[in-house]
N, C-alpha and C. Protein backbone atom coordinates (compact mmCIF):
# COMPACT_ATOMS: atom_id res chain seq x y z
N MET A 1 93.62 74.00 94.23
CA MET A 1 94.46 74.22 93.09
C MET A 1 94.51 75.72 92.82
N SER A 2 95.69 76.33 92.87
CA SER A 2 95.81 77.77 92.65
C SER A 2 96.13 78.04 91.18
N ARG A 3 95.61 79.16 90.71
CA ARG A 3 95.86 79.55 89.32
C ARG A 3 97.02 80.51 89.29
N GLU A 4 97.80 80.44 88.22
CA GLU A 4 98.92 81.35 88.05
C GLU A 4 98.40 82.75 87.78
N ARG A 5 99.04 83.74 88.40
CA ARG A 5 98.61 85.12 88.24
C ARG A 5 98.91 85.59 86.82
N LYS A 6 97.93 86.21 86.21
CA LYS A 6 98.05 86.68 84.84
C LYS A 6 98.60 88.10 84.84
N ARG A 7 99.61 88.34 84.03
CA ARG A 7 100.19 89.68 83.90
C ARG A 7 99.82 90.24 82.54
N ILE A 8 99.19 91.39 82.57
CA ILE A 8 98.73 92.02 81.34
C ILE A 8 99.40 93.38 81.22
N ALA A 9 100.01 93.62 80.08
CA ALA A 9 100.71 94.88 79.83
C ALA A 9 99.71 96.02 79.66
N GLY A 10 100.20 97.24 79.88
CA GLY A 10 99.37 98.44 79.79
C GLY A 10 98.63 98.59 78.47
N PRO A 11 99.32 98.42 77.32
CA PRO A 11 98.60 98.56 76.05
C PRO A 11 97.47 97.55 75.89
N GLU A 12 97.67 96.33 76.39
CA GLU A 12 96.61 95.32 76.30
C GLU A 12 95.44 95.68 77.21
N LYS A 13 95.72 96.21 78.40
CA LYS A 13 94.65 96.66 79.30
C LYS A 13 93.82 97.74 78.61
N LEU A 14 94.52 98.67 77.97
CA LEU A 14 93.83 99.76 77.29
C LEU A 14 92.97 99.22 76.15
N ALA A 15 93.48 98.22 75.42
CA ALA A 15 92.70 97.63 74.33
C ALA A 15 91.45 96.94 74.86
N ILE A 16 91.59 96.26 75.99
CA ILE A 16 90.43 95.61 76.60
C ILE A 16 89.40 96.64 77.03
N LEU A 17 89.87 97.72 77.67
CA LEU A 17 88.94 98.79 78.08
C LEU A 17 88.28 99.44 76.88
N LYS A 18 89.03 99.62 75.81
CA LYS A 18 88.46 100.21 74.60
C LYS A 18 87.34 99.33 74.06
N ARG A 19 87.57 98.03 74.03
CA ARG A 19 86.53 97.12 73.55
C ARG A 19 85.29 97.20 74.43
N TYR A 20 85.52 97.33 75.74
CA TYR A 20 84.39 97.40 76.69
C TYR A 20 83.64 98.73 76.57
N LEU A 21 84.38 99.83 76.57
CA LEU A 21 83.75 101.15 76.62
C LEU A 21 83.27 101.66 75.27
N ILE A 22 84.03 101.42 74.21
CA ILE A 22 83.69 102.00 72.91
C ILE A 22 82.96 101.01 72.02
N GLU A 23 83.49 99.78 71.97
CA GLU A 23 82.88 98.78 71.10
C GLU A 23 81.71 98.07 71.76
N LYS A 24 81.47 98.37 73.03
CA LYS A 24 80.34 97.82 73.79
C LYS A 24 80.32 96.28 73.85
N VAL A 25 81.54 95.69 73.91
CA VAL A 25 81.63 94.23 74.08
C VAL A 25 81.23 93.93 75.53
N PRO A 26 80.33 92.98 75.75
CA PRO A 26 79.92 92.68 77.12
C PRO A 26 81.11 92.26 77.99
N ILE A 27 81.10 92.72 79.22
CA ILE A 27 82.21 92.44 80.13
C ILE A 27 82.37 90.95 80.37
N SER A 28 81.27 90.22 80.33
CA SER A 28 81.35 88.77 80.53
C SER A 28 82.13 88.11 79.39
N ASP A 29 81.95 88.61 78.16
CA ASP A 29 82.70 88.07 77.02
C ASP A 29 84.19 88.36 77.17
N LEU A 30 84.51 89.58 77.58
CA LEU A 30 85.92 89.95 77.77
C LEU A 30 86.56 89.11 78.87
N CYS A 31 85.84 88.91 79.95
CA CYS A 31 86.37 88.12 81.06
C CYS A 31 86.62 86.68 80.63
N ASP A 32 85.71 86.13 79.86
CA ASP A 32 85.89 84.76 79.37
C ASP A 32 87.08 84.68 78.41
N GLN A 33 87.18 85.65 77.54
CA GLN A 33 88.23 85.64 76.53
C GLN A 33 89.62 85.80 77.14
N TYR A 34 89.76 86.68 78.13
CA TYR A 34 91.07 86.98 78.69
C TYR A 34 91.32 86.30 80.04
N GLY A 35 90.33 85.61 80.56
CA GLY A 35 90.50 84.93 81.84
C GLY A 35 90.60 85.91 83.00
N LEU A 36 89.76 86.94 82.99
CA LEU A 36 89.78 87.99 84.00
C LEU A 36 88.52 87.96 84.85
N GLN A 37 88.58 88.68 85.95
CA GLN A 37 87.42 88.93 86.79
C GLN A 37 86.84 90.30 86.41
N PRO A 38 85.54 90.46 86.44
CA PRO A 38 84.95 91.76 86.11
C PRO A 38 85.50 92.89 86.98
N SER A 39 85.78 92.60 88.25
CA SER A 39 86.30 93.64 89.14
C SER A 39 87.63 94.19 88.65
N GLN A 40 88.43 93.35 87.99
CA GLN A 40 89.72 93.83 87.48
C GLN A 40 89.52 94.85 86.37
N ILE A 41 88.58 94.58 85.49
CA ILE A 41 88.30 95.53 84.40
C ILE A 41 87.73 96.83 84.98
N TYR A 42 86.87 96.72 85.98
CA TYR A 42 86.34 97.93 86.61
C TYR A 42 87.45 98.73 87.31
N ASN A 43 88.42 98.04 87.91
CA ASN A 43 89.56 98.74 88.53
C ASN A 43 90.37 99.49 87.48
N TRP A 44 90.62 98.85 86.35
CA TRP A 44 91.35 99.52 85.27
C TRP A 44 90.59 100.74 84.78
N GLN A 45 89.28 100.62 84.69
CA GLN A 45 88.45 101.74 84.24
C GLN A 45 88.57 102.90 85.22
N THR A 46 88.53 102.60 86.50
CA THR A 46 88.68 103.64 87.53
C THR A 46 90.03 104.32 87.41
N GLN A 47 91.08 103.52 87.26
CA GLN A 47 92.43 104.09 87.11
C GLN A 47 92.52 104.97 85.88
N LEU A 48 91.94 104.52 84.78
CA LEU A 48 91.96 105.30 83.55
C LEU A 48 91.30 106.66 83.75
N PHE A 49 90.13 106.66 84.38
CA PHE A 49 89.42 107.92 84.57
C PHE A 49 90.09 108.82 85.60
N GLU A 50 90.72 108.25 86.60
CA GLU A 50 91.39 109.05 87.63
C GLU A 50 92.70 109.66 87.12
N HIS A 51 93.43 108.91 86.30
CA HIS A 51 94.76 109.36 85.88
C HIS A 51 94.85 109.71 84.39
N GLY A 52 93.74 109.58 83.68
CA GLY A 52 93.75 109.85 82.25
C GLY A 52 94.05 111.29 81.89
N ALA A 53 93.69 112.22 82.76
CA ALA A 53 93.92 113.64 82.47
C ALA A 53 95.41 113.96 82.35
N SER A 54 96.25 113.17 82.98
CA SER A 54 97.69 113.44 82.92
C SER A 54 98.23 113.30 81.50
N VAL A 55 97.55 112.55 80.65
CA VAL A 55 97.96 112.42 79.25
C VAL A 55 97.88 113.77 78.57
N PHE A 56 96.90 114.56 78.90
CA PHE A 56 96.70 115.84 78.26
C PHE A 56 97.50 116.96 78.92
N ASP A 57 98.04 116.73 80.11
CA ASP A 57 98.83 117.74 80.80
C ASP A 57 100.23 117.85 80.24
N ARG A 58 100.73 116.78 79.70
CA ARG A 58 102.12 116.76 79.20
C ARG A 58 102.20 117.31 77.80
N LYS A 59 103.29 117.99 77.55
CA LYS A 59 103.55 118.50 76.22
C LYS A 59 104.59 117.59 75.56
N PRO A 60 104.54 117.44 74.24
CA PRO A 60 105.52 116.59 73.57
C PRO A 60 106.93 117.12 73.76
N GLY A 61 107.88 116.22 73.83
CA GLY A 61 109.27 116.62 74.00
C GLY A 61 109.61 116.82 75.46
N ARG A 62 110.86 117.07 75.69
CA ARG A 62 111.35 117.25 77.05
C ARG A 62 111.03 118.65 77.54
N GLN A 63 110.49 118.72 78.72
CA GLN A 63 110.13 120.01 79.30
C GLN A 63 111.33 120.59 80.03
N PRO A 64 111.56 121.90 79.93
CA PRO A 64 112.65 122.50 80.68
C PRO A 64 112.40 122.33 82.18
N GLY A 65 113.40 121.88 82.87
CA GLY A 65 113.28 121.68 84.30
C GLY A 65 112.58 120.39 84.67
N ALA A 66 112.17 119.62 83.68
CA ALA A 66 111.49 118.35 83.97
C ALA A 66 112.51 117.35 84.49
N GLU A 67 112.09 116.63 85.51
CA GLU A 67 112.98 115.64 86.12
C GLU A 67 112.99 114.38 85.25
N THR A 68 114.21 113.93 84.91
CA THR A 68 114.32 112.72 84.11
C THR A 68 114.29 111.50 85.02
N SER A 69 114.15 110.37 84.41
CA SER A 69 114.12 109.11 85.16
C SER A 69 115.45 108.92 85.90
N LYS A 70 116.55 109.28 85.23
CA LYS A 70 117.88 109.14 85.84
C LYS A 70 118.01 110.07 87.05
N ASP A 71 117.54 111.32 86.92
CA ASP A 71 117.58 112.26 88.04
C ASP A 71 116.75 111.76 89.22
N ARG A 72 115.59 111.18 88.91
CA ARG A 72 114.71 110.66 89.95
C ARG A 72 115.38 109.50 90.67
N THR A 73 116.04 108.62 89.91
CA THR A 73 116.72 107.47 90.50
C THR A 73 117.87 107.93 91.39
N ILE A 74 118.62 108.89 90.93
CA ILE A 74 119.74 109.42 91.72
C ILE A 74 119.22 110.04 93.01
N GLY A 75 118.14 110.80 92.91
CA GLY A 75 117.55 111.41 94.10
C GLY A 75 117.07 110.36 95.10
N GLN A 76 116.45 109.31 94.59
CA GLN A 76 115.98 108.23 95.48
C GLN A 76 117.15 107.54 96.16
N LEU A 77 118.23 107.30 95.41
CA LEU A 77 119.40 106.64 95.99
C LEU A 77 120.09 107.53 97.03
N GLN A 78 120.13 108.83 96.76
CA GLN A 78 120.72 109.75 97.73
C GLN A 78 119.91 109.78 99.02
N LEU A 79 118.60 109.77 98.90
CA LEU A 79 117.73 109.75 100.07
C LEU A 79 117.93 108.46 100.86
N LYS A 80 118.01 107.34 100.16
CA LYS A 80 118.21 106.05 100.81
C LYS A 80 119.56 106.01 101.53
N LEU A 81 120.60 106.56 100.90
CA LEU A 81 121.92 106.60 101.51
C LEU A 81 121.91 107.48 102.76
N ALA A 82 121.23 108.61 102.70
CA ALA A 82 121.15 109.49 103.87
C ALA A 82 120.45 108.80 105.03
N GLN A 83 119.39 108.04 104.72
CA GLN A 83 118.67 107.31 105.76
C GLN A 83 119.55 106.23 106.37
N LYS A 84 120.32 105.53 105.54
CA LYS A 84 121.23 104.50 106.06
C LYS A 84 122.29 105.13 106.96
N ASN A 85 122.83 106.26 106.52
CA ASN A 85 123.84 106.94 107.32
C ASN A 85 123.29 107.36 108.68
N GLU A 86 122.05 107.81 108.69
CA GLU A 86 121.41 108.21 109.95
C GLU A 86 121.25 107.01 110.88
N VAL A 87 120.84 105.89 110.33
CA VAL A 87 120.67 104.68 111.15
C VAL A 87 122.02 104.22 111.69
N ILE A 88 123.04 104.22 110.86
CA ILE A 88 124.38 103.81 111.31
C ILE A 88 124.87 104.74 112.41
N SER A 89 124.64 106.04 112.23
CA SER A 89 125.06 107.01 113.24
C SER A 89 124.37 106.75 114.57
N GLU A 90 123.07 106.48 114.54
CA GLU A 90 122.33 106.20 115.77
C GLU A 90 122.83 104.92 116.43
N LEU A 91 123.12 103.91 115.64
CA LEU A 91 123.63 102.65 116.20
C LEU A 91 125.01 102.83 116.81
N MET A 92 125.86 103.60 116.13
CA MET A 92 127.20 103.84 116.67
C MET A 92 127.11 104.62 117.99
N GLU A 93 126.24 105.60 118.03
CA GLU A 93 126.05 106.40 119.24
C GLU A 93 125.58 105.52 120.40
N ALA A 94 124.62 104.64 120.12
CA ALA A 94 124.13 103.73 121.16
C ALA A 94 125.22 102.78 121.61
N ASN A 95 126.05 102.33 120.68
CA ASN A 95 127.15 101.43 121.01
C ASN A 95 128.16 102.12 121.93
N VAL A 96 128.50 103.37 121.61
CA VAL A 96 129.46 104.12 122.43
C VAL A 96 128.88 104.35 123.83
N ARG A 97 127.59 104.71 123.91
CA ARG A 97 126.95 104.91 125.22
C ARG A 97 127.02 103.63 126.05
N GLU A 98 126.74 102.50 125.42
CA GLU A 98 126.75 101.22 126.13
C GLU A 98 128.16 100.87 126.61
N LYS A 99 129.16 101.13 125.77
CA LYS A 99 130.54 100.85 126.17
C LYS A 99 130.96 101.74 127.34
N LYS A 100 130.54 103.00 127.30
CA LYS A 100 130.85 103.89 128.42
C LYS A 100 130.16 103.42 129.69
N ARG A 101 128.92 102.96 129.56
CA ARG A 101 128.18 102.48 130.71
C ARG A 101 128.83 101.25 131.32
N THR A 102 129.33 100.37 130.50
CA THR A 102 129.94 99.13 131.02
C THR A 102 131.42 99.31 131.37
N GLY A 103 131.98 100.47 131.05
CA GLY A 103 133.37 100.73 131.40
C GLY A 103 134.37 100.28 130.36
N GLU A 104 133.94 99.88 129.21
CA GLU A 104 134.87 99.46 128.17
C GLU A 104 135.55 100.64 127.51
N LEU A 105 135.01 101.83 127.65
CA LEU A 105 135.61 103.03 127.07
C LEU A 105 136.01 104.01 128.16
């Protein structure tokens, strides 16, 4: 019997970690309450400590020259389109070579 995967939002993860780290709630109690494995809470803790400094690196408001989500999406789509064009070009080139080899061109 498989269990449905539990999805926990970022703010809830942070609240669970806060209870564990600051309020000193035993991890076994948290796991029982939220239906989690201890390793999951430890993974969240690792992520928090590895990436937590980025909270302090950012300044409030929009930074000059900062890339927006829309700019990032456009850049990703342009890259994807360029890759598709390259693949199509290679396929067309191979097709023309094959037609020349077989005498169709």
